[in-house]
N, C-alpha and C. Protein backbone atom coordinates (compact mmCIF):
# COMPACT_ATOMS: atom_id res chain seq x y z
N MET A 1 -21.90 5.54 -1.47
CA MET A 1 -22.35 5.72 -2.76
C MET A 1 -23.65 4.74 -2.98
N ILE A 2 -23.75 3.83 -2.18
CA ILE A 2 -25.09 3.12 -2.46
C ILE A 2 -26.36 4.05 -2.13
N PHE A 3 -26.07 5.11 -1.07
CA PHE A 3 -27.06 6.42 -0.99
C PHE A 3 -27.70 6.78 -2.09
N TRP A 4 -26.61 7.35 -2.96
CA TRP A 4 -26.91 8.12 -4.12
C TRP A 4 -27.23 7.16 -5.27
N CYS A 5 -26.94 6.12 -5.42
CA CYS A 5 -27.67 5.39 -6.26
C CYS A 5 -29.18 5.17 -6.31
N ARG A 6 -29.29 4.87 -4.73
CA ARG A 6 -30.77 4.76 -4.23
C ARG A 6 -31.50 5.96 -4.64
N LYS A 7 -30.98 7.27 -4.29
CA LYS A 7 -31.64 8.26 -4.81
C LYS A 7 -31.88 8.37 -6.31
N ILE A 8 -30.82 8.16 -7.11
CA ILE A 8 -30.87 8.15 -8.44
C ILE A 8 -32.01 7.11 -9.09
N TYR A 9 -32.12 5.95 -8.61
CA TYR A 9 -33.18 5.20 -8.55
C TYR A 9 -34.37 5.57 -8.33
N GLU A 10 -34.71 6.25 -7.40
CA GLU A 10 -35.77 6.61 -6.92
C GLU A 10 -36.39 7.67 -7.47
N GLY A 11 -35.38 8.46 -8.55
CA GLY A 11 -35.69 9.66 -9.37
C GLY A 11 -35.90 11.17 -8.47
N LYS A 12 -35.07 10.92 -7.32
CA LYS A 12 -34.94 12.15 -6.56
C LYS A 12 -33.82 13.06 -6.66
N ILE A 13 -32.69 12.35 -7.65
CA ILE A 13 -31.78 13.02 -8.34
C ILE A 13 -31.69 12.53 -9.76
N SER A 14 -31.28 13.68 -10.33
CA SER A 14 -30.88 13.14 -11.65
C SER A 14 -29.54 12.79 -12.02
N ALA A 15 -29.22 11.79 -13.18
CA ALA A 15 -28.12 11.59 -13.73
C ALA A 15 -27.99 11.07 -15.13
N HIS A 16 -26.78 11.35 -15.79
CA HIS A 16 -26.41 10.94 -17.01
C HIS A 16 -25.61 9.83 -17.34
N THR A 17 -25.82 9.14 -18.29
CA THR A 17 -24.73 8.61 -19.11
C THR A 17 -24.95 8.77 -20.48
N THR A 18 -24.02 7.90 -20.89
CA THR A 18 -24.02 8.12 -22.87
C THR A 18 -24.75 7.02 -23.24
N THR A 19 -24.55 6.95 -24.68
CA THR A 19 -25.15 6.06 -25.54
C THR A 19 -23.84 4.86 -25.62
N VAL A 20 -22.78 5.59 -25.61
CA VAL A 20 -21.84 4.58 -25.47
C VAL A 20 -21.33 3.54 -24.19
N ASN A 21 -21.77 4.54 -23.25
CA ASN A 21 -21.98 3.40 -21.88
C ASN A 21 -22.98 2.67 -21.79
N SER A 22 -24.16 3.08 -22.45
CA SER A 22 -25.43 2.10 -22.54
C SER A 22 -24.83 0.61 -23.45
N PHE A 23 -24.08 1.05 -24.76
CA PHE A 23 -23.65 -0.22 -25.13
C PHE A 23 -22.83 -1.02 -24.61
N GLU A 24 -21.95 -0.51 -23.51
CA GLU A 24 -20.96 -1.18 -22.84
C GLU A 24 -21.87 -2.28 -21.81
N ILE A 25 -22.70 -1.37 -21.38
CA ILE A 25 -23.55 -2.24 -20.20
C ILE A 25 -24.21 -3.44 -20.89
N TRP A 26 -25.26 -3.18 -22.21
CA TRP A 26 -25.71 -4.06 -22.87
C TRP A 26 -24.72 -5.26 -23.23
N LEU A 27 -23.51 -5.00 -23.93
CA LEU A 27 -22.49 -5.72 -24.26
C LEU A 27 -22.03 -6.86 -22.99
N GLY A 28 -21.99 -6.30 -21.86
CA GLY A 28 -21.74 -6.99 -20.53
C GLY A 28 -22.93 -7.96 -20.10
N THR A 29 -24.17 -7.34 -20.38
CA THR A 29 -25.32 -8.10 -20.07
C THR A 29 -25.25 -9.33 -20.99
N LEU A 30 -25.27 -8.94 -22.23
CA LEU A 30 -25.17 -10.23 -23.32
C LEU A 30 -24.07 -11.03 -23.26
N LEU A 31 -22.73 -10.69 -22.61
CA LEU A 31 -21.91 -11.64 -22.63
C LEU A 31 -22.07 -12.52 -21.34
N ALA A 32 -22.68 -12.00 -20.37
CA ALA A 32 -22.53 -12.78 -19.11
C ALA A 32 -22.96 -14.27 -19.20
N SER A 33 -22.75 -15.08 -18.34
CA SER A 33 -22.77 -16.55 -18.24
C SER A 33 -24.27 -16.91 -18.31
N LYS A 34 -24.88 -16.00 -17.82
CA LYS A 34 -26.46 -15.99 -17.56
C LYS A 34 -27.25 -14.87 -17.83
N PRO A 35 -27.28 -14.38 -18.90
CA PRO A 35 -28.07 -13.15 -19.42
C PRO A 35 -29.27 -12.73 -18.90
N GLU A 36 -30.11 -14.10 -18.96
CA GLU A 36 -31.16 -13.92 -18.90
C GLU A 36 -31.84 -13.49 -17.47
N GLU A 37 -31.01 -13.68 -16.46
CA GLU A 37 -30.78 -13.21 -15.19
C GLU A 37 -30.98 -11.52 -14.80
N ILE A 38 -30.19 -10.77 -15.40
CA ILE A 38 -30.01 -9.67 -15.58
C ILE A 38 -30.46 -8.74 -16.58
N THR A 39 -31.18 -9.59 -17.70
CA THR A 39 -31.67 -8.38 -18.41
C THR A 39 -32.97 -7.29 -18.09
N LYS A 40 -33.88 -7.86 -17.31
CA LYS A 40 -34.87 -6.94 -16.76
C LYS A 40 -34.17 -5.81 -16.20
N GLU A 41 -33.04 -6.07 -15.59
CA GLU A 41 -32.38 -4.76 -14.69
C GLU A 41 -31.73 -3.81 -15.79
N THR A 42 -31.08 -4.40 -16.81
CA THR A 42 -30.43 -3.60 -17.98
C THR A 42 -31.56 -3.16 -18.67
N GLU A 43 -32.76 -3.46 -18.86
CA GLU A 43 -33.74 -2.75 -19.50
C GLU A 43 -34.27 -1.87 -18.84
N GLU A 44 -34.52 -1.64 -17.67
CA GLU A 44 -34.93 -0.61 -16.78
C GLU A 44 -33.78 0.20 -16.30
N PHE A 45 -32.52 0.05 -16.50
CA PHE A 45 -31.47 0.83 -16.23
C PHE A 45 -31.74 2.11 -16.94
N PRO A 46 -32.12 2.38 -18.24
CA PRO A 46 -32.32 3.62 -18.82
C PRO A 46 -33.48 4.71 -18.35
N ASN A 47 -34.27 3.99 -17.55
CA ASN A 47 -35.25 4.66 -17.28
C ASN A 47 -35.03 5.75 -15.93
N ARG A 48 -33.97 5.25 -15.50
CA ARG A 48 -33.39 5.92 -14.12
C ARG A 48 -32.45 7.32 -14.65
N LEU A 49 -32.02 7.19 -15.99
CA LEU A 49 -30.79 8.01 -16.30
C LEU A 49 -31.29 8.69 -17.60
N ARG A 50 -30.69 10.08 -17.64
CA ARG A 50 -30.79 10.74 -19.12
C ARG A 50 -29.40 10.24 -19.89
N ILE A 51 -29.75 9.63 -21.10
CA ILE A 51 -29.23 9.22 -21.79
C ILE A 51 -28.43 10.05 -23.22
N LEU A 52 -27.11 10.63 -23.05
CA LEU A 52 -26.78 11.52 -23.99
C LEU A 52 -26.32 10.86 -24.98
N ASP A 53 -26.40 11.53 -26.29
CA ASP A 53 -26.25 11.06 -27.67
C ASP A 53 -24.84 11.57 -28.17
N PHE A 54 -24.04 10.61 -28.73
CA PHE A 54 -22.77 10.81 -29.61
C PHE A 54 -23.43 11.58 -30.89
N ASN A 55 -23.37 13.09 -30.80
CA ASN A 55 -24.04 13.66 -31.92
C ASN A 55 -23.13 14.31 -32.71
N TYR A 56 -23.05 15.25 -33.43
CA TYR A 56 -22.51 15.68 -34.59
C TYR A 56 -21.35 16.74 -33.90
N ASP A 57 -21.48 17.30 -32.80
CA ASP A 57 -20.52 18.16 -32.26
C ASP A 57 -19.59 17.35 -31.45
N ALA A 58 -20.00 16.01 -30.74
CA ALA A 58 -19.22 15.17 -30.24
C ALA A 58 -18.15 14.76 -31.21
N SER A 59 -18.85 14.21 -32.36
CA SER A 59 -18.09 13.79 -33.58
C SER A 59 -16.52 14.69 -33.93
N VAL A 60 -16.98 16.08 -33.91
CA VAL A 60 -15.67 16.94 -34.44
C VAL A 60 -15.08 17.15 -33.43
N GLU A 61 -15.47 17.17 -32.16
CA GLU A 61 -14.84 17.04 -30.72
C GLU A 61 -13.74 15.96 -30.66
N ALA A 62 -14.22 14.62 -30.92
CA ALA A 62 -13.46 13.69 -30.76
C ALA A 62 -12.72 13.54 -31.81
N SER A 63 -12.93 13.94 -33.24
CA SER A 63 -11.77 13.87 -34.28
C SER A 63 -10.45 14.80 -33.84
N ARG A 64 -11.21 15.87 -33.21
CA ARG A 64 -9.93 17.16 -32.74
C ARG A 64 -9.01 16.53 -31.73
N THR A 65 -9.59 16.06 -30.75
CA THR A 65 -9.05 15.33 -29.77
C THR A 65 -8.07 14.29 -29.94
N MET A 66 -8.61 13.28 -30.91
CA MET A 66 -7.69 12.18 -31.51
C MET A 66 -6.57 12.75 -32.26
N VAL A 67 -6.76 13.78 -33.35
CA VAL A 67 -5.48 14.03 -33.89
C VAL A 67 -4.57 14.91 -32.94
N LYS A 68 -4.94 15.56 -31.93
CA LYS A 68 -4.10 16.10 -31.03
C LYS A 68 -3.35 14.94 -30.18
N LEU A 69 -3.84 13.86 -29.69
CA LEU A 69 -3.51 12.90 -29.02
C LEU A 69 -2.21 11.81 -29.92
N ARG A 70 -2.63 11.87 -31.03
CA ARG A 70 -1.97 11.14 -32.18
C ARG A 70 -0.46 11.93 -32.59
N LYS A 71 -0.56 13.18 -32.63
CA LYS A 71 0.36 13.98 -32.90
C LYS A 71 1.25 14.04 -31.81
N GLN A 72 0.94 13.88 -30.25
CA GLN A 72 1.68 13.63 -29.30
C GLN A 72 2.18 11.95 -29.05
N GLY A 73 1.66 11.17 -29.97
CA GLY A 73 2.43 9.87 -30.12
C GLY A 73 1.55 9.12 -29.03
N GLN A 74 0.06 9.45 -28.68
CA GLN A 74 -0.77 8.79 -27.80
C GLN A 74 -1.59 8.21 -28.77
N THR A 75 -2.37 7.31 -27.87
CA THR A 75 -3.59 6.43 -28.08
C THR A 75 -4.93 6.47 -27.42
N ILE A 76 -5.91 6.39 -27.87
CA ILE A 76 -6.72 6.29 -26.82
C ILE A 76 -8.00 5.26 -27.20
N GLU A 77 -8.80 4.44 -26.19
CA GLU A 77 -9.57 3.67 -26.79
C GLU A 77 -10.91 4.42 -27.50
N ILE A 78 -11.39 3.88 -28.55
CA ILE A 78 -12.35 4.93 -29.31
C ILE A 78 -13.74 5.03 -28.33
N ARG A 79 -14.02 3.90 -27.61
CA ARG A 79 -15.21 4.51 -26.85
C ARG A 79 -14.92 5.38 -25.72
N ASP A 80 -13.83 5.62 -25.09
CA ASP A 80 -13.20 6.35 -24.29
C ASP A 80 -13.31 7.64 -24.74
N LEU A 81 -12.84 7.83 -26.06
CA LEU A 81 -12.54 9.08 -26.78
C LEU A 81 -14.28 9.57 -26.93
N PHE A 82 -15.31 8.85 -27.30
CA PHE A 82 -16.74 9.17 -27.64
C PHE A 82 -17.18 9.48 -26.45
N VAL A 83 -16.87 9.17 -25.17
CA VAL A 83 -17.62 9.32 -23.87
C VAL A 83 -16.86 10.48 -23.44
N ALA A 84 -15.89 10.64 -23.65
CA ALA A 84 -15.01 12.31 -23.16
C ALA A 84 -15.45 13.32 -24.07
N SER A 85 -15.67 13.15 -25.10
CA SER A 85 -16.33 14.10 -26.14
C SER A 85 -17.57 14.57 -25.88
N ILE A 86 -18.42 13.51 -25.78
CA ILE A 86 -19.68 13.75 -25.20
C ILE A 86 -19.78 14.89 -23.97
N SER A 87 -19.33 14.35 -22.90
CA SER A 87 -19.10 15.31 -21.79
C SER A 87 -18.49 16.53 -21.97
N LYS A 88 -17.42 16.57 -22.98
CA LYS A 88 -16.71 18.03 -22.95
C LYS A 88 -17.93 18.99 -23.87
N VAL A 89 -18.56 18.56 -24.96
CA VAL A 89 -19.47 19.48 -25.59
C VAL A 89 -20.67 20.15 -24.83
N ARG A 90 -20.85 18.90 -23.86
CA ARG A 90 -22.17 19.26 -23.34
C ARG A 90 -21.72 20.11 -21.97
N ARG A 91 -20.51 20.32 -21.93
CA ARG A 91 -19.65 21.05 -20.40
C ARG A 91 -20.14 20.30 -19.15
N MET A 92 -20.05 19.16 -19.00
CA MET A 92 -20.53 18.41 -18.20
C MET A 92 -19.53 17.54 -17.66
N PRO A 93 -19.06 17.26 -15.97
CA PRO A 93 -17.90 16.42 -16.09
C PRO A 93 -18.14 15.35 -16.29
N LEU A 94 -17.21 14.46 -16.41
CA LEU A 94 -17.02 12.95 -16.65
C LEU A 94 -16.58 12.45 -15.21
N ILE A 95 -17.76 11.56 -14.86
CA ILE A 95 -17.34 10.77 -13.38
C ILE A 95 -16.75 9.56 -13.85
N THR A 96 -15.64 9.46 -13.10
CA THR A 96 -15.08 8.13 -13.67
C THR A 96 -14.02 7.89 -12.66
N ARG A 97 -13.48 6.55 -12.31
CA ARG A 97 -12.44 6.29 -11.61
C ARG A 97 -11.16 6.48 -12.59
N ASN A 98 -11.13 6.31 -13.51
CA ASN A 98 -9.91 6.37 -14.45
C ASN A 98 -9.52 7.69 -14.85
N ILE A 99 -9.15 8.26 -13.87
CA ILE A 99 -8.48 9.69 -13.89
C ILE A 99 -7.22 9.67 -14.87
N LYS A 100 -6.57 8.76 -14.76
CA LYS A 100 -5.19 8.72 -15.10
C LYS A 100 -5.34 8.69 -17.13
N HIS A 101 -6.52 8.13 -17.17
CA HIS A 101 -6.61 7.79 -18.67
C HIS A 101 -7.39 8.95 -19.51
N TYR A 102 -8.02 9.65 -18.56
CA TYR A 102 -8.93 11.00 -19.45
C TYR A 102 -8.01 12.27 -19.01
N LYS A 103 -7.00 12.44 -18.16
CA LYS A 103 -6.64 13.71 -18.06
C LYS A 103 -5.74 14.27 -19.31
N ARG A 104 -5.45 13.18 -20.21
CA ARG A 104 -4.67 13.74 -21.21
C ARG A 104 -5.65 14.50 -22.01
N ILE A 105 -7.05 14.52 -21.64
CA ILE A 105 -7.76 15.16 -22.76
C ILE A 105 -7.96 16.77 -22.23
N PRO A 106 -7.60 17.41 -23.20
CA PRO A 106 -7.65 19.22 -22.60
C PRO A 106 -8.69 19.74 -22.36
N ARG A 107 -9.23 20.17 -21.46
CA ARG A 107 -10.48 20.78 -21.07
C ARG A 107 -11.46 19.97 -20.58
N LEU A 108 -11.34 19.15 -20.43
CA LEU A 108 -12.12 18.02 -19.67
C LEU A 108 -12.08 17.89 -18.32
N MET A 109 -13.65 18.15 -17.90
CA MET A 109 -13.69 18.12 -16.79
C MET A 109 -14.04 16.88 -15.97
N ILE A 110 -13.10 16.43 -15.08
CA ILE A 110 -13.30 14.98 -14.68
C ILE A 110 -13.38 15.35 -13.05
N LEU A 111 -14.47 13.93 -12.63
CA LEU A 111 -14.44 13.93 -11.21
C LEU A 111 -14.43 12.55 -10.92
N THR A 112 -14.11 12.00 -9.77
CA THR A 112 -14.22 10.73 -9.40
C THR A 112 -15.40 10.82 -8.66
N PRO A 113 -16.06 9.28 -8.44
CA PRO A 113 -17.47 9.21 -7.67
C PRO A 113 -17.33 9.89 -6.34
N GLU A 114 -16.43 9.71 -5.80
CA GLU A 114 -16.44 10.34 -4.43
C GLU A 114 -16.29 11.81 -4.21
N GLU A 115 -15.82 12.26 -5.28
CA GLU A 115 -15.59 13.80 -5.31
C GLU A 115 -17.09 14.44 -5.86
N THR A 116 -17.79 13.64 -6.64
CA THR A 116 -19.40 13.74 -7.27
C THR A 116 -20.08 13.67 -5.72
N ILE A 117 -19.97 13.01 -4.95
CA ILE A 117 -20.61 13.04 -3.97
C ILE A 117 -20.25 13.83 -2.89
N GLU A 118 -19.16 14.23 -2.60
CA GLU A 118 -18.68 15.30 -1.66
C GLU A 118 -19.05 16.82 -2.26
N LYS A 119 -19.38 16.87 -3.58
CA LYS A 119 -20.11 18.03 -4.05
C LYS A 119 -21.37 18.24 -4.03
N LEU A 120 -21.87 16.80 -3.95
CA LEU A 120 -23.76 16.82 -3.57
C LEU A 120 -23.94 17.14 -2.48
N GLU A 121 -23.04 16.48 -1.40
CA GLU A 121 -23.47 16.90 -0.02
C GLU A 121 -23.13 18.24 0.39
N SER A 122 -22.30 18.93 -0.15
CA SER A 122 -22.09 20.17 0.43
C SER A 122 -22.68 21.21 0.16
């Protein structure tokens, strides 16, 4: 895993994240006991990744997904719904260890980090 993170950091492979994940990273940074010690790394983080926006298409998909889940009596955290919707409308896999949480979203491609690495190495 560290090998692949280094490849991303060096710009040898491209990786994506979302504006929602960026929010979560900044929130964690600013809530840290010593945010000044990790702010520089947090500021450099977007330079290594392509950041995907929560756009109109993702908002429509998020609405549709939330309605389906509510009709099934299920809930989902709004940030998770937004991240999933961004991935889904862009037809990109969502890389996460939280498979259980996301698998209830129809037609969402989900991979674990380990599965992703396996695909990159093959």
